[in-house]
């Protein structure tokens, strides 16, 4: 298959589709370096991936929260191994996961209504939180604090890393600095917290103390607007990636909230997206994926997307730049072939930026 780039030529390519994981058995059958792991595994064992949601990638290890199978998959590209993190007693309904600098993992468990803690070796440590007060759906890390999104109460709580509440960001409501149904949360390069509100169909930005800064996007069916936003990831340049679960699109916004690029379309092709939900950005694992990059494309970091439905459970893209002038870079673009403009259109498609106090 010819390389698939976004946006379409003659624009400068910034994203390339790399590869897809459908299930562990599919990786075995590719005859890649995965062909010798999971020897003897039955087709009904843990290697199947059913309803992936939250995802994290660090140092060649991929962690996927599976709502269909109620487990956390671990695909270790370093050692070519597959495992499951935690036991059924420890993990009930994992939704989202965040990895700290020291390798500690924090998992939001919607059934237990707690944050589960695993160490750098993926061993279970403890669970934190009061199910009577908080219903965690997502977690982010900043310094020595945990930021826990509560989907039911419409708020983000700030905890110490041992689970003690410190303060609350926002309150439930439709006001500029309020939330109704937060889902994904992530920190930007400037240290601000970005919260996806699925009910309000917007992304709200706060500082670490909870001061509201602005909103990106609003309900709508045009580029720059949202229908059912869920996952979010932010790169080192403060580019904001948001997965729209209804429109099967990933949209990329500037730090100011302007739409820069959107991509994705449903379909059976390996790069097709169907109800994309989880997003993760990682530069530490590039070495394991460079073999998929086009010769004239230099990846800068990986973008991982999980699809709740369809065959393409986990899709890998690379953000980067061409090594030679764009006119000499080979590739195709499925969005252009389908008559969709992947680059940000004129003003009707720009994301509204509102609410600067």
Protein backbone atom coordinates (compact mmCIF):
# COMPACT_ATOMS: atom_id res chain seq x y z
CA UNK A 1 0.00 0.00 0.00
CA UNK A 2 1.27 3.46 -0.89
CA UNK A 3 1.89 5.74 2.10
CA UNK A 4 -1.21 7.52 3.39
CA UNK A 5 -0.63 11.15 4.35
CA UNK A 6 -2.67 13.97 5.85
CA UNK A 7 -3.25 16.62 4.56
CA UNK A 8 -3.50 15.82 0.86
CA UNK A 9 -0.89 16.88 -1.66
CA UNK A 10 0.12 19.50 -2.61
CA UNK A 11 -0.06 20.55 1.07
CA UNK A 12 2.90 19.62 3.25
CA UNK A 13 2.24 16.19 4.83
CA UNK A 14 2.20 16.28 8.63
CA UNK A 15 0.64 12.94 9.52
CA UNK A 16 1.25 9.48 8.11
CA UNK A 17 -0.74 6.35 8.80
CA UNK A 18 1.67 3.67 10.03
CA UNK A 19 -0.02 0.44 11.04
CA UNK A 20 -3.03 -1.14 12.78
CA UNK A 21 -3.55 -3.73 15.48
CA UNK A 22 -6.79 -5.70 15.12
CA UNK A 23 -5.93 -8.38 17.67
CA UNK A 24 -2.87 -10.27 18.82
CA UNK A 25 -3.62 -13.21 16.53
CA UNK A 26 -3.56 -10.85 13.55
CA UNK A 27 -0.10 -9.67 14.56
CA UNK A 28 1.10 -13.26 14.71
CA UNK A 29 -0.16 -13.99 11.23
CA UNK A 30 1.69 -11.01 9.77
CA UNK A 31 4.93 -12.89 10.23
CA UNK A 32 6.52 -9.91 11.91
CA UNK A 33 8.60 -9.98 15.06
CA UNK A 34 5.33 -10.82 16.84
CA UNK A 35 5.22 -14.22 15.11
CA UNK A 36 7.03 -15.96 17.95
CA UNK A 37 5.12 -14.64 20.94
CA UNK A 38 2.00 -16.04 22.58
CA UNK A 39 2.92 -19.53 21.38
CA UNK A 40 0.11 -21.89 22.19
CA UNK A 41 -2.40 -19.14 23.04
CA UNK A 42 -5.97 -20.12 22.20
CA UNK A 43 -8.03 -17.78 20.07
CA UNK A 44 -10.37 -17.13 22.99
CA UNK A 45 -7.65 -16.04 25.43
CA UNK A 46 -6.71 -12.53 26.53
CA UNK A 47 -5.09 -11.60 23.22
CA UNK A 48 -8.44 -10.58 21.75
CA UNK A 49 -9.31 -6.88 21.83
CA UNK A 50 -13.00 -6.08 22.03
CA UNK A 51 -13.93 -2.56 23.18
CA UNK A 52 -10.76 -0.45 23.56
CA UNK A 53 -11.18 2.93 25.25
CA UNK A 54 -8.33 4.69 27.06
CA UNK A 55 -4.77 4.12 25.86
CA UNK A 56 -1.21 4.99 26.88
CA UNK A 57 2.17 4.27 25.28
CA UNK A 58 5.56 4.66 26.94
CA UNK A 59 9.01 3.20 26.21
CA UNK A 60 7.67 0.57 23.83
CA UNK A 61 4.82 -0.69 26.03
CA UNK A 62 1.21 -0.13 25.02
CA UNK A 63 -1.59 -0.14 27.62
CA UNK A 64 -5.19 -0.41 26.42
CA UNK A 65 -8.28 -0.21 28.64
CA UNK A 66 -10.82 -2.65 27.17
CA UNK A 67 -14.44 -2.01 28.16
CA UNK A 68 -15.62 -5.04 26.20
CA UNK A 69 -13.42 -7.57 27.96
CA UNK A 70 -13.02 -5.57 31.20
CA UNK A 71 -9.24 -5.78 31.28
CA UNK A 72 -6.08 -3.81 30.58
CA UNK A 73 -4.08 -5.17 27.65
CA UNK A 74 -0.30 -4.73 27.68
CA UNK A 75 1.58 -5.13 24.39
CA UNK A 76 5.31 -5.02 24.98
CA UNK A 77 7.09 -4.12 21.74
CA UNK A 78 10.48 -4.30 23.47
CA UNK A 79 10.25 -7.94 24.50
CA UNK A 80 7.57 -9.06 22.02
CA UNK A 81 5.23 -10.09 24.83
CA UNK A 82 1.57 -9.74 25.61
CA UNK A 83 0.04 -9.68 29.09
CA UNK A 84 -2.91 -8.39 31.08
CA UNK A 85 -2.33 -5.88 33.87
CA UNK A 86 -4.15 -6.72 37.06
CA UNK A 87 -6.47 -9.58 37.99
CA UNK A 88 -10.27 -9.66 37.57
CA UNK A 89 -10.61 -8.90 41.27
CA UNK A 90 -8.38 -5.84 40.98
CA UNK A 91 -9.71 -4.49 37.67
CA UNK A 92 -13.45 -4.31 37.03
CA UNK A 93 -14.15 -1.69 34.34
CA UNK A 94 -11.02 0.22 33.28
CA UNK A 95 -11.83 3.36 31.32
CA UNK A 96 -8.71 5.53 31.07
CA UNK A 97 -5.06 5.29 32.05
CA UNK A 98 -2.21 7.74 32.70
CA UNK A 99 1.49 6.93 33.20
CA UNK A 100 3.66 8.98 35.56
CA UNK A 101 7.30 9.86 34.90
CA UNK A 102 8.46 7.08 37.24
CA UNK A 103 6.36 4.46 35.43
CA UNK A 104 3.49 4.37 37.92
CA UNK A 105 0.13 3.82 36.22
CA UNK A 106 -3.14 5.36 37.36
CA UNK A 107 -6.33 3.76 36.00
CA UNK A 108 -9.86 5.15 36.29
CA UNK A 109 -12.19 2.21 37.05
CA UNK A 110 -15.83 3.10 36.40
CA UNK A 111 -17.25 0.05 38.18
CA UNK A 112 -15.21 0.39 41.35
CA UNK A 113 -15.47 4.20 41.16
CA UNK A 114 -11.84 4.36 42.19
CA UNK A 115 -8.39 5.07 40.81
CA UNK A 116 -6.28 1.92 40.57
CA UNK A 117 -2.51 2.24 41.04
CA UNK A 118 0.09 -0.02 39.42
CA UNK A 119 3.85 0.25 39.78
CA UNK A 120 6.51 0.55 37.07
CA UNK A 121 6.57 -3.25 36.70
CA UNK A 122 2.76 -3.33 36.25
CA UNK A 123 2.20 -4.78 39.71
CA UNK A 124 -0.96 -3.78 41.57
CA UNK A 125 -0.30 -1.36 44.44
CA UNK A 126 -3.64 -0.09 45.74
CA UNK A 127 -6.92 1.57 44.88
CA UNK A 128 -7.86 5.11 45.91
CA UNK A 129 -10.95 7.26 46.22
CA UNK A 130 -14.37 7.26 47.86
CA UNK A 131 -17.05 5.69 45.62
CA UNK A 132 -19.70 7.65 47.52
CA UNK A 133 -18.14 10.97 46.51
CA UNK A 134 -16.39 10.51 43.16
CA UNK A 135 -16.98 8.54 39.94
CA UNK A 136 -13.65 8.68 38.09
CA UNK A 137 -13.73 8.43 34.31
CA UNK A 138 -10.32 9.88 33.47
CA UNK A 139 -7.07 10.84 35.19
CA UNK A 140 -4.14 13.12 34.39
CA UNK A 141 -0.88 13.81 36.23
CA UNK A 142 0.80 17.13 36.93
CA UNK A 143 3.79 17.21 39.26
CA UNK A 144 2.79 15.62 42.55
CA UNK A 145 -0.95 15.93 41.92
CA UNK A 146 -3.58 13.77 40.26
CA UNK A 147 -6.45 15.35 38.35
CA UNK A 148 -9.52 13.10 38.34
CA UNK A 149 -12.50 13.76 36.05
CA UNK A 150 -15.89 12.86 37.53
CA UNK A 151 -18.38 12.22 34.73
CA UNK A 152 -21.43 12.11 36.98
CA UNK A 153 -20.72 15.12 39.18
CA UNK A 154 -19.47 17.33 36.34
CA UNK A 155 -16.17 18.27 37.95
CA UNK A 156 -12.44 17.59 38.10
CA UNK A 157 -11.01 16.80 41.51
CA UNK A 158 -7.37 17.35 42.44
CA UNK A 159 -5.82 14.67 44.66
CA UNK A 160 -2.46 13.96 46.18
CA UNK A 161 -0.82 10.86 44.75
CA UNK A 162 -1.93 8.88 47.78
CA UNK A 163 -5.56 9.76 47.08
CA UNK A 164 -6.24 12.64 49.46
CA UNK A 165 -8.57 15.33 48.00
CA UNK A 166 -7.07 18.84 47.78
CA UNK A 167 -9.41 21.00 45.70
CA UNK A 168 -12.04 20.92 42.96
CA UNK A 169 -11.93 22.44 39.50
CA UNK A 170 -15.26 23.64 38.09
CA UNK A 171 -18.78 22.71 39.10
CA UNK A 172 -21.70 21.10 37.32
CA UNK A 173 -23.47 23.37 34.87
CA UNK A 174 -23.40 24.92 31.41
CA UNK A 175 -21.61 28.14 32.35
CA UNK A 176 -18.24 29.14 30.85
CA UNK A 177 -16.19 27.59 33.66
CA UNK A 178 -18.53 24.68 34.36
CA UNK A 179 -18.79 21.08 33.19
CA UNK A 180 -21.67 18.68 32.74
CA UNK A 181 -20.13 15.42 31.56
CA UNK A 182 -16.34 15.48 31.37
CA UNK A 183 -14.62 12.60 29.61
CA UNK A 184 -11.00 12.90 28.50
CA UNK A 185 -8.53 15.23 30.24
CA UNK A 186 -4.94 16.15 29.40
CA UNK A 187 -2.29 18.72 30.22
CA UNK A 188 -0.88 21.08 27.63
CA UNK A 189 2.71 22.17 27.23
CA UNK A 190 2.03 25.34 29.23
CA UNK A 191 0.70 23.36 32.19
CA UNK A 192 -2.97 24.07 31.59
CA UNK A 193 -5.65 21.42 31.98
CA UNK A 194 -7.86 20.66 28.96
CA UNK A 195 -11.16 18.91 29.69
CA UNK A 196 -13.41 17.35 27.05
CA UNK A 197 -17.08 17.80 27.93
CA UNK A 198 -19.10 15.23 26.00
CA UNK A 199 -22.47 16.75 26.95
CA UNK A 200 -21.55 20.32 26.02
CA UNK A 201 -19.55 19.14 22.97
CA UNK A 202 -16.61 21.37 23.75
CA UNK A 203 -13.10 21.39 25.24
CA UNK A 204 -12.52 23.69 28.21
CA UNK A 205 -9.14 24.97 29.33
CA UNK A 206 -8.28 25.72 32.99
CA UNK A 207 -5.12 26.56 34.86
CA UNK A 208 -4.00 24.17 37.62
CA UNK A 209 -5.86 26.16 40.26
CA UNK A 210 -9.12 25.93 38.34
CA UNK A 211 -9.32 29.34 36.69
CA UNK A 212 -11.27 29.06 33.44
CA UNK A 213 -9.33 30.27 30.39
CA UNK A 214 -11.28 29.45 27.22
CA UNK A 215 -13.30 26.88 25.30
CA UNK A 216 -12.51 25.21 22.00
CA UNK A 217 -15.32 24.08 19.72
CA UNK A 218 -19.06 23.80 20.25
CA UNK A 219 -21.90 21.52 19.11
CA UNK A 220 -22.16 21.19 15.34
CA UNK A 221 -21.65 19.04 12.29
CA UNK A 222 -18.90 21.04 10.54
CA UNK A 223 -15.14 20.86 10.88
CA UNK A 224 -14.08 22.60 14.07
CA UNK A 225 -17.26 21.59 15.88
CA UNK A 226 -18.12 18.46 17.87
CA UNK A 227 -20.91 15.93 18.18
CA UNK A 228 -19.57 13.44 20.75
CA UNK A 229 -16.00 14.33 21.72
CA UNK A 230 -14.22 11.91 24.04
CA UNK A 231 -10.45 11.40 23.92
CA UNK A 232 -7.85 14.17 23.98
CA UNK A 233 -4.06 14.35 23.64
CA UNK A 234 -1.73 17.37 23.49
CA UNK A 235 1.77 17.50 22.02
CA UNK A 236 4.83 19.46 23.13
CA UNK A 237 3.85 22.37 20.87
CA UNK A 238 0.43 22.56 22.53
CA UNK A 239 -1.41 21.18 19.49
CA UNK A 240 -4.70 19.76 20.76
CA UNK A 241 -5.99 16.46 19.32
CA UNK A 242 -9.64 15.58 19.97
CA UNK A 243 -11.43 12.36 18.98
CA UNK A 244 -15.07 12.76 17.91
CA UNK A 245 -16.78 9.45 18.61
CA UNK A 246 -19.79 10.22 16.41
CA UNK A 247 -18.19 11.74 13.32
CA UNK A 248 -15.29 9.24 13.22
CA UNK A 249 -12.81 12.09 13.05
CA UNK A 250 -9.73 13.34 14.82
CA UNK A 251 -9.42 17.13 14.84
CA UNK A 252 -6.24 19.06 15.57
CA UNK A 253 -6.41 22.59 16.99
CA UNK A 254 -3.80 25.27 17.52
CA UNK A 255 -3.12 26.52 21.08
CA UNK A 256 -5.46 29.42 20.27
CA UNK A 257 -8.26 27.02 19.34
CA UNK A 258 -8.17 27.31 15.54
CA UNK A 259 -8.77 24.14 13.56
CA UNK A 260 -5.60 23.11 11.75
CA UNK A 261 -6.42 19.67 10.38
CA UNK A 262 -9.00 16.92 10.59
CA UNK A 263 -8.74 13.35 9.38
CA UNK A 264 -10.37 9.95 9.55
CA UNK A 265 -13.18 8.14 7.81
CA UNK A 266 -15.04 4.91 8.52
CA UNK A 267 -14.29 1.91 6.38
CA UNK A 268 -12.63 -1.47 6.16
CA UNK A 269 -9.23 -0.10 5.16
CA UNK A 270 -6.52 -0.39 7.79
CA UNK A 271 -6.48 3.36 8.46
CA UNK A 272 -10.27 3.61 8.85
CA UNK A 273 -11.68 5.00 12.09
CA UNK A 274 -14.96 3.86 13.65
CA UNK A 275 -16.06 5.49 16.91
CA UNK A 276 -12.55 6.68 17.83
CA UNK A 277 -12.31 7.21 21.56
CA UNK A 278 -8.85 7.04 23.11
CA UNK A 279 -5.82 9.11 22.07
CA UNK A 280 -2.20 8.98 23.16
CA UNK A 281 0.91 10.84 22.03
CA UNK A 282 4.37 9.35 22.59
CA UNK A 283 7.88 9.97 21.26
CA UNK A 284 9.67 7.37 23.39
CA UNK A 285 8.49 4.44 21.24
CA UNK A 286 9.27 5.82 17.79
CA UNK A 287 12.06 3.31 17.20
CA UNK A 288 9.60 0.43 17.08
CA UNK A 289 7.51 2.08 14.34
CA UNK A 290 10.02 3.80 12.07
CA UNK A 291 9.98 0.81 9.74
CA UNK A 292 6.43 1.79 8.74
CA UNK A 293 7.32 5.40 7.87
CA UNK A 294 7.78 6.45 4.25
CA UNK A 295 11.44 6.94 3.27
CA UNK A 296 10.96 10.66 2.74
CA UNK A 297 8.97 11.27 5.93
CA UNK A 298 10.62 11.99 9.29
CA UNK A 299 8.37 11.08 12.27
CA UNK A 300 8.53 13.30 15.35
CA UNK A 301 6.09 11.44 17.59
CA UNK A 302 3.39 8.77 17.50
CA UNK A 303 -0.36 9.27 17.72
CA UNK A 304 -2.30 6.22 18.91
CA UNK A 305 -6.07 6.01 18.33
CA UNK A 306 -8.44 3.38 19.75
CA UNK A 307 -11.68 2.50 17.98
CA UNK A 308 -14.53 1.13 20.08
CA UNK A 309 -16.08 -0.66 17.11
CA UNK A 310 -14.94 -2.14 13.81
CA UNK A 311 -11.92 -4.30 13.04
CA UNK A 312 -9.27 -1.59 13.48
CA UNK A 313 -8.95 -1.62 17.24
CA UNK A 314 -5.70 0.37 17.57
CA UNK A 315 -4.41 2.62 14.79
CA UNK A 316 -0.96 4.22 14.76
CA UNK A 317 -0.08 7.48 13.03
CA UNK A 318 3.11 9.54 13.03
CA UNK A 319 3.29 13.31 13.19
CA UNK A 320 6.33 14.62 11.37
CA UNK A 321 7.69 16.42 8.33
CA UNK A 322 9.02 15.55 4.87
CA UNK A 323 12.75 15.07 4.41
CA UNK A 324 12.54 16.46 0.86
CA UNK A 325 10.34 19.12 -0.77
CA UNK A 326 6.64 18.14 -0.45
CA UNK A 327 6.23 17.90 -4.23
CA UNK A 328 8.67 14.99 -4.22
CA UNK A 329 7.04 13.11 -1.34
CA UNK A 330 5.03 10.10 -2.55
CA UNK A 331 1.76 9.13 -0.99
CA UNK A 332 -2.00 9.03 -1.20
CA UNK A 333 -4.71 10.57 0.88
CA UNK A 334 -8.02 8.74 1.31
CA UNK A 335 -9.81 11.87 2.52
CA UNK A 336 -8.92 13.69 -0.69
CA UNK A 337 -9.98 10.68 -2.76
CA UNK A 338 -13.34 10.74 -1.03
CA UNK A 339 -13.78 14.41 -1.77
CA UNK A 340 -13.12 15.57 1.77
CA UNK A 341 -10.73 18.43 2.43
CA UNK A 342 -8.39 17.36 5.23
CA UNK A 343 -6.88 20.80 5.73
CA UNK A 344 -8.65 23.46 7.75
CA UNK A 345 -11.18 25.24 5.53
CA UNK A 346 -12.03 28.92 5.47
CA UNK A 347 -13.79 30.65 8.31
CA UNK A 348 -16.97 28.48 8.35
CA UNK A 349 -14.85 25.51 9.46
CA UNK A 350 -12.73 27.24 12.05
CA UNK A 351 -13.24 26.26 15.64
CA UNK A 352 -14.93 28.95 17.70
CA UNK A 353 -12.80 30.22 20.55
CA UNK A 354 -14.91 31.62 23.31
CA UNK A 355 -14.98 32.69 26.89
CA UNK A 356 -11.68 34.45 27.51
CA UNK A 357 -12.27 36.22 30.82
